[in-house]
Amino acid sequence: MSWAQHLIILPILLPLMTGAAIIPIDERRRMIKGVIGFCSTAVVFAGSVYLLRCASDFGVNAPGAGIYLLGNWPAPFGIVLVLDRLSALMLVLTSFLALAAQVFAMARWHSAGSHFHSLFQLMLAGLNGAFLTGDLFNLFVFFEMMLAASYGLLLHGSGQLRVKAGLHYIAINLVASSLFLIGVSLIYGATGTLNMADLAMRITGLSGESRMLMEAGVAVLGVAFLVKAGMWPLGFWLPSTYSAATPPVAAIFAILTKVGVYVLLRLSLLFFSSEAGNSTGFGQAVLLYGGMLTIAFGAIGVLASQAMGRLAGYCVLVSSGTLLAAIGIGGVDVIGGALLYLVSSTITICAFFLLIELVERARDAGADVLAVTMEAYGDTDEDEVEKQEGVAVPGTVAVLGLCFCVCAVLLAGLPPLSGFLAKFAILHGLFDPESGDASQISGAQWTYVALLILSGLAAMIAMNRIGVRTFWNSIEGTIPRVYLIEITPVLILLAACVFLSIQAGPAMHFMDATAKYLVEPQNYTGRVMSALQIGRE
């Protein structure tokens, strides 16, 4: 086995070791801890990019390629890590967001509490492990590692609102973890294995009570991940929780929701493909209708939000709903477009969470309520506004305003940026121009199309309203003090979206190839089950 194959375990091992190693360092030397943590994440990012390139070169019939046997036990008896296009994509996305959040935190937020960087690294280890693992029990282990660290990060910075939101978050996720264990137990009782590849093959031969028990287990397991993905009505906790978190924590939490989406995408296509017999397409209707309800709920929340933090939280719900419904519809082209949307929307929301704190820094806490009251009663100082002839826009406000506009265009899905291209790719896959037959599109799918358009319109209205109030008609008129180390991550994240827009052709080619790989589960099962132990190659 070459050193490159050992690189698969790097995204788990390095953050885990770094998180443990910097715990003993005195909290007064937070900058040293931050630099060590940043270097660790940067190495993981570089390694993930290399792994993504390797995964892109794997042929669909490459036995054992990208499979790492921990303990050198063959599948399904040992623990396996599986690298493919989807897991590599999620690794790159996670480490990229983590770099931006860490840099932003080092300006001042990492000093708001203890062990910020250790918790951050442990959460990254859990996230990367969840994306790489090839069996359900270790998915639970990495899931719990990620959640345990996220509990501490959510409470970071203290304050009544964060403690209250944190307690709700902990209670809800403990229930979800219990459901996870119950679901895994039922699946093991029905099939006798927890290895995903082995499960996918055994499901085909199940019948009678075993099939019912397996489907019950998958349904319970699915509820646990739908809670994490924020599907309506299970995602009621998300907007208040994310808006209460500190900005860098909320920014990295944008990827936590996608863990639920990732697992649902992976398991639904692996377990319930056309080869799953009577269980083919199990749960797809729930994902489709639940996703559409989530989009509608998120869009209403976006319109109703007066605070930018809650608006961003509802945007997370709209993003999750769009992806869940796309998984429910299925098909290579729709899944390919959904993967591009996943990347674009996650980066945009991460940048938006960081930007909110910079924009609101100079504002009074009651400014939004006061502004709404003034609008409702028409109590605006029109005379003073009319006297102004030209307004000098300071550089800081201009940069923040430009970033806000780019976020608005991306969230609304307006051309020419990646938010529009991703939605267009989903619609392109839905209408399937290759067959030229749009009459087969169901009423639910037409509803999905309408919700995609209306949710974008809702985002545009909400962002325009808040943008005008914040940048054009600011009540305080004060200029926020922004450090270079804070605005740079926002600019890089938004530049990544612009780059994704320019390189949309190659990006869609990669996403379509990933979707094609996912809808053919024999590619996954064949690689995992054919992986050989070291010494027997």
Protein backbone atom coordinates (compact mmCIF):
# COMPACT_ATOMS: atom_id res chain seq x y z
CA MET A 1 0.00 0.00 0.00
CA SER A 2 1.45 3.36 -1.04
CA TRP A 3 1.58 6.48 1.14
CA ALA A 4 -1.13 8.05 -1.01
CA GLN A 5 -3.59 5.34 0.04
CA HIS A 6 -2.81 6.03 3.71
CA LEU A 7 -3.78 9.66 3.02
CA ILE A 8 -7.45 8.63 3.27
CA ILE A 9 -7.25 8.57 7.06
CA LEU A 10 -5.53 11.98 7.29
CA PRO A 11 -8.77 14.07 7.41
CA ILE A 12 -9.80 12.15 10.53
CA LEU A 13 -6.50 11.55 12.28
CA LEU A 14 -4.88 14.98 11.95
CA PRO A 15 -7.74 17.10 13.39
CA LEU A 16 -8.23 14.52 16.15
CA MET A 17 -4.56 14.64 17.17
CA THR A 18 -4.38 18.42 16.80
CA GLY A 19 -7.48 18.94 18.92
CA ALA A 20 -6.03 16.78 21.69
CA ALA A 21 -2.53 18.26 21.43
CA ILE A 22 -3.56 21.91 21.89
CA ILE A 23 -5.77 21.32 24.93
CA PRO A 24 -2.86 21.64 27.44
CA ILE A 25 -1.71 24.97 25.93
CA ASP A 26 -2.56 27.90 28.17
CA GLU A 27 -5.75 29.69 27.09
CA ARG A 28 -3.84 33.00 27.24
CA ARG A 29 -1.95 31.78 24.16
CA ARG A 30 -5.01 31.39 22.01
CA MET A 31 -3.30 32.78 18.94
CA ILE A 32 -0.74 29.95 19.06
CA LYS A 33 -3.57 27.45 19.35
CA GLY A 34 -5.34 29.16 16.49
CA VAL A 35 -2.30 29.06 14.22
CA ILE A 36 -1.74 25.36 14.98
CA GLY A 37 -5.40 24.62 14.30
CA PHE A 38 -5.35 26.65 11.08
CA CYS A 39 -2.22 24.82 9.85
CA SER A 40 -3.87 21.48 10.62
CA THR A 41 -6.99 22.43 8.66
CA ALA A 42 -4.88 23.78 5.79
CA VAL A 43 -3.03 20.44 5.54
CA VAL A 44 -6.36 18.60 5.59
CA PHE A 45 -7.66 20.92 2.86
CA ALA A 46 -4.61 20.25 0.67
CA GLY A 47 -4.91 16.50 1.32
CA SER A 48 -8.63 16.59 0.54
CA VAL A 49 -8.01 18.33 -2.78
CA TYR A 50 -5.49 15.59 -3.63
CA LEU A 51 -8.01 12.91 -2.58
CA LEU A 52 -10.65 14.57 -4.75
CA ARG A 53 -8.32 14.37 -7.70
CA CYS A 54 -7.61 10.70 -6.95
CA ALA A 55 -11.33 9.93 -6.59
CA SER A 56 -11.98 11.59 -9.96
CA ASP A 57 -9.50 9.20 -11.56
CA PHE A 58 -11.06 6.06 -10.09
CA GLY A 59 -12.75 4.02 -12.77
CA VAL A 60 -16.24 2.74 -12.04
CA ASN A 61 -14.82 -0.78 -12.16
CA ALA A 62 -11.74 -0.20 -10.03
CA PRO A 63 -11.85 -2.98 -7.37
CA GLY A 64 -10.60 -1.83 -3.97
CA ALA A 65 -9.66 1.66 -5.16
CA GLY A 66 -10.10 4.26 -2.45
CA ILE A 67 -10.88 1.66 0.24
CA TYR A 68 -8.95 1.81 3.53
CA LEU A 69 -9.19 -1.25 5.79
CA LEU A 70 -8.66 -0.17 9.38
CA GLY A 71 -7.00 -3.03 11.29
CA ASN A 72 -6.45 -4.79 7.96
CA TRP A 73 -9.69 -6.76 8.39
CA PRO A 74 -11.61 -7.35 5.16
CA ALA A 75 -15.12 -6.03 4.64
CA PRO A 76 -17.70 -6.67 5.99
CA PHE A 77 -15.93 -7.87 9.20
CA GLY A 78 -13.64 -4.89 9.70
CA ILE A 79 -14.06 -1.13 9.73
CA VAL A 80 -13.65 0.43 6.30
CA LEU A 81 -13.20 3.98 5.09
CA VAL A 82 -14.52 4.63 1.59
CA LEU A 83 -13.27 7.41 -0.63
CA ASP A 84 -15.33 8.24 -3.68
CA ARG A 85 -16.29 11.38 -5.56
CA LEU A 86 -19.07 12.36 -3.13
CA SER A 87 -17.10 11.84 0.08
CA ALA A 88 -14.06 13.62 -1.39
CA LEU A 89 -16.25 16.56 -2.44
CA MET A 90 -17.67 16.86 1.08
CA LEU A 91 -14.15 16.71 2.57
CA VAL A 92 -12.96 19.60 0.40
CA LEU A 93 -16.08 21.64 1.13
CA THR A 94 -15.81 21.07 4.90
CA SER A 95 -12.15 22.01 5.19
CA PHE A 96 -12.65 25.07 2.94
CA LEU A 97 -15.45 26.39 5.16
CA ALA A 98 -13.44 25.52 8.26
CA LEU A 99 -10.47 27.59 7.06
CA ALA A 100 -12.70 30.63 6.57
CA ALA A 101 -14.40 30.23 9.95
CA GLN A 102 -11.11 29.75 11.79
CA VAL A 103 -9.50 32.84 10.28
CA PHE A 104 -12.58 34.89 11.15
CA ALA A 105 -12.62 33.53 14.71
CA MET A 106 -8.99 34.49 15.34
CA ALA A 107 -9.88 38.18 15.11
CA ARG A 108 -11.68 38.07 18.46
CA TRP A 109 -14.34 35.35 18.79
CA HIS A 110 -11.94 32.57 19.82
CA SER A 111 -11.26 34.48 23.04
CA ALA A 112 -14.94 34.47 24.05
CA GLY A 113 -14.56 31.10 25.79
CA SER A 114 -12.23 28.18 26.48
CA HIS A 115 -10.95 25.45 24.15
CA PHE A 116 -12.55 26.90 21.00
CA HIS A 117 -9.86 25.54 18.68
CA SER A 118 -9.81 22.07 20.29
CA LEU A 119 -13.57 21.74 19.94
CA PHE A 120 -13.34 23.00 16.37
CA GLN A 121 -10.75 20.36 15.44
CA LEU A 122 -12.71 17.56 17.12
CA MET A 123 -15.82 18.57 15.22
CA LEU A 124 -13.87 18.49 11.95
CA ALA A 125 -12.61 14.98 12.79
CA GLY A 126 -16.21 13.87 13.38
CA LEU A 127 -17.44 15.50 10.17
CA ASN A 128 -14.69 13.99 8.03
CA GLY A 129 -15.23 10.59 9.62
CA ALA A 130 -18.96 10.72 8.88
CA PHE A 131 -18.22 11.43 5.22
CA LEU A 132 -15.63 8.66 4.91
CA THR A 133 -17.02 5.80 6.96
CA GLY A 134 -18.37 2.72 5.22
CA ASP A 135 -20.49 1.25 8.03
CA LEU A 136 -23.44 2.47 10.08
CA PHE A 137 -22.01 1.91 13.55
CA ASN A 138 -18.96 4.04 12.88
CA LEU A 139 -21.24 6.59 11.29
CA PHE A 140 -22.91 6.77 14.69
CA VAL A 141 -19.52 7.12 16.43
CA PHE A 142 -18.38 9.97 14.18
CA PHE A 143 -21.83 11.54 14.33
CA GLU A 144 -21.63 11.65 18.13
CA MET A 145 -18.09 13.03 18.05
CA MET A 146 -19.29 15.82 15.76
CA LEU A 147 -22.34 16.55 17.92
CA ALA A 148 -20.44 16.52 21.21
CA ALA A 149 -18.00 19.11 19.88
CA SER A 150 -20.84 21.17 18.38
CA TYR A 151 -22.55 21.35 21.80
CA GLY A 152 -19.48 23.08 23.23
CA LEU A 153 -19.10 25.34 20.20
CA LEU A 154 -22.74 26.44 20.32
CA LEU A 155 -22.37 27.42 23.97
CA HIS A 156 -19.12 29.23 23.19
CA GLY A 157 -19.47 32.91 24.03
CA SER A 158 -22.09 32.27 26.76
CA GLY A 159 -25.10 34.63 27.06
CA GLN A 160 -28.69 33.79 27.91
CA LEU A 161 -29.82 33.31 24.30
CA ARG A 162 -26.95 30.95 23.44
CA VAL A 163 -27.46 28.88 26.58
CA LYS A 164 -31.19 28.61 25.92
CA ALA A 165 -30.68 27.69 22.24
CA GLY A 166 -27.85 25.35 23.19
CA LEU A 167 -30.00 23.41 25.67
CA HIS A 168 -32.72 22.98 23.02
CA TYR A 169 -30.10 21.87 20.51
CA ILE A 170 -28.60 19.33 22.92
CA ALA A 171 -31.98 17.90 23.93
CA ILE A 172 -33.16 17.52 20.32
CA ASN A 173 -29.94 15.92 19.17
CA LEU A 174 -29.89 13.50 22.09
CA VAL A 175 -33.35 12.31 21.01
CA ALA A 176 -32.07 12.04 17.42
CA SER A 177 -29.07 10.01 18.62
CA SER A 178 -31.40 7.64 20.48
CA LEU A 179 -33.43 7.16 17.31
CA PHE A 180 -30.16 6.54 15.45
CA LEU A 181 -29.25 3.69 17.81
CA ILE A 182 -32.75 2.18 17.65
CA GLY A 183 -32.70 2.30 13.85
CA VAL A 184 -29.24 0.75 13.61
CA SER A 185 -30.29 -2.03 16.04
CA LEU A 186 -33.36 -2.87 13.96
CA ILE A 187 -31.33 -2.95 10.75
CA TYR A 188 -28.72 -5.22 12.34
CA GLY A 189 -31.43 -7.49 13.71
CA ALA A 190 -32.94 -7.86 10.23
CA THR A 191 -29.77 -8.20 8.15
CA GLY A 192 -26.95 -9.22 10.51
CA THR A 193 -24.55 -6.58 9.20
CA LEU A 194 -23.89 -2.84 9.43
CA ASN A 195 -21.42 -2.55 6.58
CA MET A 196 -23.13 -0.34 4.00
CA ALA A 197 -21.92 -2.29 0.97
CA ASP A 198 -22.86 -5.63 2.56
CA LEU A 199 -26.25 -4.19 3.56
CA ALA A 200 -26.96 -3.05 0.03
CA MET A 201 -26.38 -6.58 -1.24
CA ARG A 202 -28.36 -8.33 1.54
CA ILE A 203 -31.42 -6.08 1.22
CA THR A 204 -32.06 -7.56 -2.22
CA GLY A 205 -32.61 -11.01 -0.73
CA LEU A 206 -34.77 -10.00 2.24
CA SER A 207 -38.40 -11.00 2.41
CA GLY A 208 -41.36 -11.07 4.79
CA GLU A 209 -40.76 -9.96 8.37
CA SER A 210 -37.06 -9.33 7.83
CA ARG A 211 -37.83 -6.80 5.11
CA MET A 212 -40.44 -5.09 7.27
CA LEU A 213 -38.01 -4.95 10.20
CA MET A 214 -35.28 -3.54 7.98
CA GLU A 215 -37.60 -0.89 6.53
CA ALA A 216 -38.77 0.05 10.03
CA GLY A 217 -35.14 0.45 11.08
CA VAL A 218 -34.33 2.58 8.05
CA ALA A 219 -37.40 4.74 8.72
CA VAL A 220 -36.33 5.37 12.33
CA LEU A 221 -32.77 6.04 11.18
CA GLY A 222 -34.11 8.41 8.54
CA VAL A 223 -36.00 10.45 11.14
CA ALA A 224 -32.72 10.99 13.01
CA PHE A 225 -31.05 12.38 9.89
CA LEU A 226 -34.10 14.41 8.89
CA VAL A 227 -33.85 16.15 12.27
CA LYS A 228 -30.26 17.00 11.44
CA ALA A 229 -31.17 18.09 7.90
CA GLY A 230 -33.91 20.36 9.28
CA MET A 231 -36.88 18.94 7.36
CA TRP A 232 -40.24 20.41 8.31
CA PRO A 233 -41.60 19.98 10.98
CA LEU A 234 -38.45 18.48 12.54
CA GLY A 235 -36.32 21.58 11.81
CA PHE A 236 -38.22 24.07 14.00
CA TRP A 237 -35.18 24.45 16.24
CA LEU A 238 -32.72 25.42 13.51
CA PRO A 239 -33.27 29.17 12.81
CA SER A 240 -33.17 30.21 16.47
CA THR A 241 -30.20 27.94 17.21
CA TYR A 242 -28.07 29.06 14.29
CA SER A 243 -28.89 32.74 14.83
CA ALA A 244 -27.86 32.45 18.50
CA ALA A 245 -24.44 30.91 17.74
CA THR A 246 -21.33 33.05 17.41
CA PRO A 247 -20.59 33.98 13.74
CA PRO A 248 -17.74 31.50 13.07
CA VAL A 249 -19.70 28.70 14.74
CA ALA A 250 -22.85 29.49 12.75
CA ALA A 251 -20.71 29.58 9.60
CA ILE A 252 -19.29 26.08 10.11
CA PHE A 253 -22.71 24.84 11.24
CA ALA A 254 -23.83 25.43 7.64
CA ILE A 255 -22.10 22.14 6.77
CA LEU A 256 -23.63 20.25 9.74
CA THR A 257 -27.07 20.37 8.15
CA LYS A 258 -25.57 18.89 5.00
CA VAL A 259 -24.38 15.84 6.95
CA GLY A 260 -28.00 14.73 7.23
CA VAL A 261 -28.53 15.43 3.53
CA TYR A 262 -25.33 13.55 2.64
CA VAL A 263 -26.31 10.43 4.60
CA LEU A 264 -29.85 10.41 3.19
CA LEU A 265 -28.48 10.79 -0.33
CA ARG A 266 -25.88 8.07 0.18
CA LEU A 267 -28.14 5.50 1.86
CA SER A 268 -31.27 6.02 -0.24
CA LEU A 269 -29.38 5.52 -3.51
CA LEU A 270 -27.29 2.66 -2.13
CA PHE A 271 -30.01 0.66 -0.36
CA PHE A 272 -33.13 1.34 -2.40
CA SER A 273 -31.98 1.36 -6.00
CA SER A 274 -33.74 -0.54 -8.78
CA GLU A 275 -31.99 -3.70 -7.54
CA ALA A 276 -33.63 -3.57 -4.07
CA GLY A 277 -36.67 -5.62 -5.06
CA ASN A 278 -39.85 -4.66 -3.21
CA SER A 279 -38.01 -1.90 -1.31
CA THR A 280 -37.05 0.01 -4.46
CA GLY A 281 -37.64 3.73 -3.95
CA PHE A 282 -38.43 3.30 -0.24
CA GLY A 283 -38.89 6.71 1.44
CA GLN A 284 -38.52 8.79 -1.73
CA ALA A 285 -42.05 10.17 -1.46
CA VAL A 286 -41.34 11.31 2.11
CA LEU A 287 -38.21 13.12 0.96
CA LEU A 288 -39.99 14.74 -1.98
CA TYR A 289 -43.06 16.02 -0.10
CA GLY A 290 -41.15 16.74 3.10
CA GLY A 291 -38.56 18.68 1.11
CA MET A 292 -41.22 20.77 -0.60
CA LEU A 293 -42.92 21.55 2.72
CA THR A 294 -39.52 22.57 4.08
CA ILE A 295 -38.97 24.93 1.14
CA ALA A 296 -42.40 26.50 1.69
CA PHE A 297 -41.83 26.84 5.45
CA GLY A 298 -38.34 28.26 4.92
CA ALA A 299 -39.56 30.76 2.31
CA ILE A 300 -42.31 32.02 4.66
CA GLY A 301 -39.72 32.32 7.42
CA VAL A 302 -37.39 34.24 5.11
CA LEU A 303 -40.15 36.74 4.32
CA ALA A 304 -41.14 37.08 7.98
CA SER A 305 -37.61 37.53 9.36
CA GLN A 306 -36.64 41.00 10.51
CA ALA A 307 -33.22 39.98 11.85
CA MET A 308 -30.51 38.84 9.46
CA GLY A 309 -29.47 35.92 11.67
CA ARG A 310 -32.93 34.35 11.53
CA LEU A 311 -33.12 35.08 7.79
CA ALA A 312 -29.90 33.11 7.30
CA GLY A 313 -31.31 30.28 9.43
CA TYR A 314 -34.41 30.04 7.23
CA CYS A 315 -32.17 30.12 4.14
CA VAL A 316 -30.52 26.98 5.55
CA LEU A 317 -33.97 25.35 5.67
CA VAL A 318 -34.72 26.36 2.07
CA SER A 319 -31.38 24.88 1.00
CA SER A 320 -32.06 21.61 2.85
CA GLY A 321 -35.59 21.37 1.48
CA THR A 322 -34.38 21.87 -2.08
CA LEU A 323 -31.84 19.08 -1.70
CA LEU A 324 -34.20 16.66 0.06
CA ALA A 325 -36.85 17.09 -2.63
CA ALA A 326 -34.23 16.59 -5.35
CA ILE A 327 -33.18 13.30 -3.69
CA GLY A 328 -36.84 12.30 -3.57
CA ILE A 329 -37.20 12.94 -7.31
CA GLY A 330 -33.97 11.11 -8.15
CA GLY A 331 -32.38 10.75 -11.57
CA VAL A 332 -28.80 11.42 -12.61
CA ASP A 333 -29.38 14.92 -13.98
CA VAL A 334 -31.42 16.14 -11.01
CA ILE A 335 -28.93 14.71 -8.49
CA GLY A 336 -26.05 16.27 -10.44
CA GLY A 337 -27.69 19.71 -10.30
CA ALA A 338 -28.50 19.20 -6.61
CA LEU A 339 -24.83 18.50 -5.84
CA LEU A 340 -23.84 21.79 -7.48
CA TYR A 341 -26.58 23.53 -5.47
CA LEU A 342 -25.29 21.88 -2.28
CA VAL A 343 -21.81 23.32 -2.79
CA SER A 344 -23.00 26.78 -3.86
CA SER A 345 -25.67 27.24 -1.18
CA THR A 346 -23.44 25.98 1.65
CA ILE A 347 -20.58 28.34 0.76
CA THR A 348 -23.02 31.25 0.36
CA ILE A 349 -24.72 30.68 3.72
CA CYS A 350 -21.34 30.32 5.43
CA ALA A 351 -20.24 33.67 3.97
CA PHE A 352 -23.57 35.26 4.92
CA PHE A 353 -23.28 34.20 8.57
CA LEU A 354 -19.82 35.78 8.76
CA LEU A 355 -20.98 38.93 6.96
CA ILE A 356 -23.97 39.46 9.26
CA GLU A 357 -21.78 40.05 12.29
CA LEU A 358 -19.70 42.63 10.43
CA VAL A 359 -22.75 44.47 9.12
CA GLU A 360 -24.57 44.52 12.44
CA ARG A 361 -21.51 45.40 14.49
CA ALA A 362 -22.30 49.11 14.62
CA ARG A 363 -26.05 48.70 14.90
CA ASP A 364 -28.14 48.94 18.02
CA ALA A 365 -29.81 45.72 19.18
CA GLY A 366 -33.29 47.26 18.88
CA ALA A 367 -32.70 48.89 15.51
CA ASP A 368 -34.71 46.31 13.57
CA VAL A 369 -37.72 46.61 15.86
CA LEU A 370 -37.51 50.39 15.72
CA ALA A 371 -37.23 50.37 11.93
CA VAL A 372 -40.29 48.11 11.58
CA THR A 373 -42.26 50.37 13.92
CA MET A 374 -41.27 53.45 11.95
CA GLU A 375 -42.30 51.80 8.67
CA ALA A 376 -45.62 50.65 10.11
CA TYR A 377 -46.61 54.09 11.44
CA GLY A 378 -45.01 56.11 8.66
CA ASP A 379 -42.82 57.84 11.23
CA THR A 380 -39.87 58.47 8.97
CA ASP A 381 -37.80 61.60 8.90
CA GLU A 382 -38.58 62.37 5.27
CA ASP A 383 -37.52 66.02 5.46
CA GLU A 384 -34.05 65.09 6.58
CA VAL A 385 -33.71 62.51 3.82
CA GLU A 386 -34.82 64.97 1.17
CA LYS A 387 -32.18 67.50 2.22
CA GLN A 388 -29.38 65.05 1.45
CA GLU A 389 -27.85 65.60 -1.97
CA GLY A 390 -25.50 62.72 -2.57
CA VAL A 391 -24.22 60.51 0.18
CA ALA A 392 -20.56 59.75 0.69
CA VAL A 393 -20.19 55.97 0.99
CA PRO A 394 -17.22 54.96 3.15
CA GLY A 395 -15.01 52.18 1.81
CA THR A 396 -15.92 49.72 4.55
CA VAL A 397 -19.64 50.15 3.99
CA ALA A 398 -19.12 49.86 0.22
CA VAL A 399 -17.27 46.53 0.58
CA LEU A 400 -19.84 45.18 3.04
CA GLY A 401 -22.66 46.33 0.79
CA LEU A 402 -21.09 44.68 -2.26
CA CYS A 403 -20.67 41.41 -0.34
CA PHE A 404 -24.29 41.66 0.82
CA CYS A 405 -25.47 42.15 -2.78
CA VAL A 406 -23.51 39.11 -3.96
CA CYS A 407 -25.02 37.05 -1.13
CA ALA A 408 -28.50 38.27 -2.12
CA VAL A 409 -27.97 37.29 -5.78
CA LEU A 410 -26.65 33.85 -4.77
CA LEU A 411 -29.41 33.13 -2.24
CA ALA A 412 -32.15 34.28 -4.62
CA GLY A 413 -30.69 32.23 -7.46
CA LEU A 414 -30.42 35.13 -9.88
CA PRO A 415 -28.10 35.02 -12.91
CA PRO A 416 -25.24 34.90 -13.58
CA LEU A 417 -23.82 33.35 -10.39
CA SER A 418 -23.71 29.73 -9.23
CA GLY A 419 -26.99 29.91 -7.28
CA PHE A 420 -28.84 30.42 -10.56
CA LEU A 421 -26.75 27.88 -12.47
CA ALA A 422 -27.37 25.21 -9.82
CA LYS A 423 -31.14 25.75 -9.83
CA PHE A 424 -31.12 25.81 -13.62
CA ALA A 425 -29.22 22.50 -13.64
CA ILE A 426 -31.87 20.94 -11.37
CA LEU A 427 -34.69 22.19 -13.61
CA HIS A 428 -32.78 21.06 -16.70
CA GLY A 429 -32.52 17.56 -15.24
CA LEU A 430 -36.18 17.62 -14.22
CA PHE A 431 -37.48 18.47 -17.65
CA ASP A 432 -35.10 15.97 -19.25
CA PRO A 433 -34.66 17.60 -22.65
CA GLU A 434 -32.91 14.47 -23.98
CA SER A 435 -36.18 12.58 -24.07
CA GLY A 436 -38.11 15.65 -25.17
CA ASP A 437 -41.15 14.50 -23.20
CA ALA A 438 -42.25 16.93 -20.51
CA SER A 439 -45.69 15.31 -20.18
CA GLN A 440 -44.29 12.71 -17.73
CA ILE A 441 -43.56 15.35 -15.11
CA SER A 442 -45.91 14.81 -12.19
CA GLY A 443 -47.92 17.43 -10.33
CA ALA A 444 -45.54 17.17 -7.37
CA GLN A 445 -42.58 17.93 -9.62
CA TRP A 446 -44.37 20.96 -11.10
CA THR A 447 -44.99 22.09 -7.51
CA TYR A 448 -41.27 21.68 -6.83
CA VAL A 449 -40.47 23.88 -9.82
CA ALA A 450 -42.87 26.55 -8.56
CA LEU A 451 -41.37 26.39 -5.05
CA LEU A 452 -37.84 26.78 -6.42
CA ILE A 453 -38.89 29.98 -8.19
CA LEU A 454 -41.00 31.35 -5.32
CA SER A 455 -38.34 30.65 -2.67
CA GLY A 456 -35.85 32.61 -4.79
CA LEU A 457 -38.34 35.48 -5.06
CA ALA A 458 -38.88 35.41 -1.29
CA ALA A 459 -35.13 35.56 -0.68
CA MET A 460 -34.79 38.47 -3.09
CA ILE A 461 -37.59 40.45 -1.39
CA ALA A 462 -36.25 39.79 2.11
CA MET A 463 -32.66 40.63 1.21
CA ASN A 464 -33.73 43.82 -0.59
CA ARG A 465 -35.78 44.95 2.40
CA ILE A 466 -33.01 44.35 4.91
CA GLY A 467 -30.33 45.68 2.56
CA VAL A 468 -32.15 48.98 2.00
CA ARG A 469 -32.73 49.37 5.73
CA THR A 470 -29.14 48.58 6.58
CA PHE A 471 -27.09 50.28 3.89
CA TRP A 472 -29.35 52.93 2.37
CA ASN A 473 -31.47 54.14 5.25
CA SER A 474 -29.39 53.22 8.30
CA ILE A 475 -30.81 54.63 11.50
CA GLU A 476 -27.51 54.98 13.28
CA GLY A 477 -25.37 55.93 10.31
CA THR A 478 -22.26 54.64 12.07
CA ILE A 479 -19.48 52.85 10.23
CA PRO A 480 -18.47 49.44 11.60
CA ARG A 481 -14.81 48.79 12.33
CA VAL A 482 -13.80 45.74 10.35
CA TYR A 483 -10.41 44.05 10.46
CA LEU A 484 -8.79 42.67 7.32
CA ILE A 485 -8.67 39.22 8.94
CA GLU A 486 -12.46 39.33 9.21
CA ILE A 487 -13.49 40.52 5.76
CA THR A 488 -10.92 38.40 3.88
CA PRO A 489 -12.67 35.03 4.58
CA VAL A 490 -15.98 36.50 3.38
CA LEU A 491 -14.38 37.76 0.18
CA ILE A 492 -12.68 34.41 -0.45
CA LEU A 493 -15.91 32.46 0.08
CA LEU A 494 -17.83 34.71 -2.30
CA ALA A 495 -14.95 34.61 -4.80
CA ALA A 496 -15.22 30.81 -4.68
CA CYS A 497 -18.88 31.11 -5.72
CA VAL A 498 -17.88 33.41 -8.58
CA PHE A 499 -15.16 30.94 -9.62
CA LEU A 500 -17.71 28.12 -9.45
CA SER A 501 -19.92 30.17 -11.77
CA ILE A 502 -17.12 30.70 -14.27
CA GLN A 503 -16.11 27.02 -14.12
CA ALA A 504 -19.70 25.77 -14.12
CA GLY A 505 -19.07 23.51 -17.13
CA PRO A 506 -16.29 21.39 -15.59
CA ALA A 507 -18.09 21.51 -12.22
CA MET A 508 -21.32 20.13 -13.72
CA HIS A 509 -19.33 17.46 -15.55
CA PHE A 510 -17.90 16.34 -12.20
CA MET A 511 -21.30 16.49 -10.47
CA ASP A 512 -23.00 14.49 -13.23
CA ALA A 513 -20.26 11.85 -13.07
CA THR A 514 -20.71 11.71 -9.28
CA ALA A 515 -24.48 11.31 -9.65
CA LYS A 516 -24.01 8.57 -12.25
CA TYR A 517 -21.71 6.74 -9.84
CA LEU A 518 -24.22 7.08 -6.98
CA VAL A 519 -27.26 5.73 -8.84
CA GLU A 520 -25.37 2.53 -9.68
CA PRO A 521 -24.72 0.99 -6.23
CA GLN A 522 -22.76 -1.93 -7.67
CA ASN A 523 -19.89 0.52 -8.21
CA TYR A 524 -19.74 1.13 -4.45
CA THR A 525 -20.38 -2.44 -3.28
CA GLY A 526 -17.95 -3.92 -5.79
CA ARG A 527 -15.08 -1.70 -4.69
CA VAL A 528 -15.66 -2.24 -0.97
CA MET A 529 -16.18 -6.00 -1.05
CA SER A 530 -13.21 -6.59 -3.37
CA ALA A 531 -10.70 -4.64 -1.24
CA LEU A 532 -7.82 -6.93 -0.30
CA GLN A 533 -5.89 -7.03 2.97
CA ILE A 534 -2.29 -5.84 3.01
CA GLY A 535 -0.03 -8.82 2.34
CA ARG A 536 -2.62 -10.50 0.13
CA GLU A 537 -2.53 -8.01 -2.71
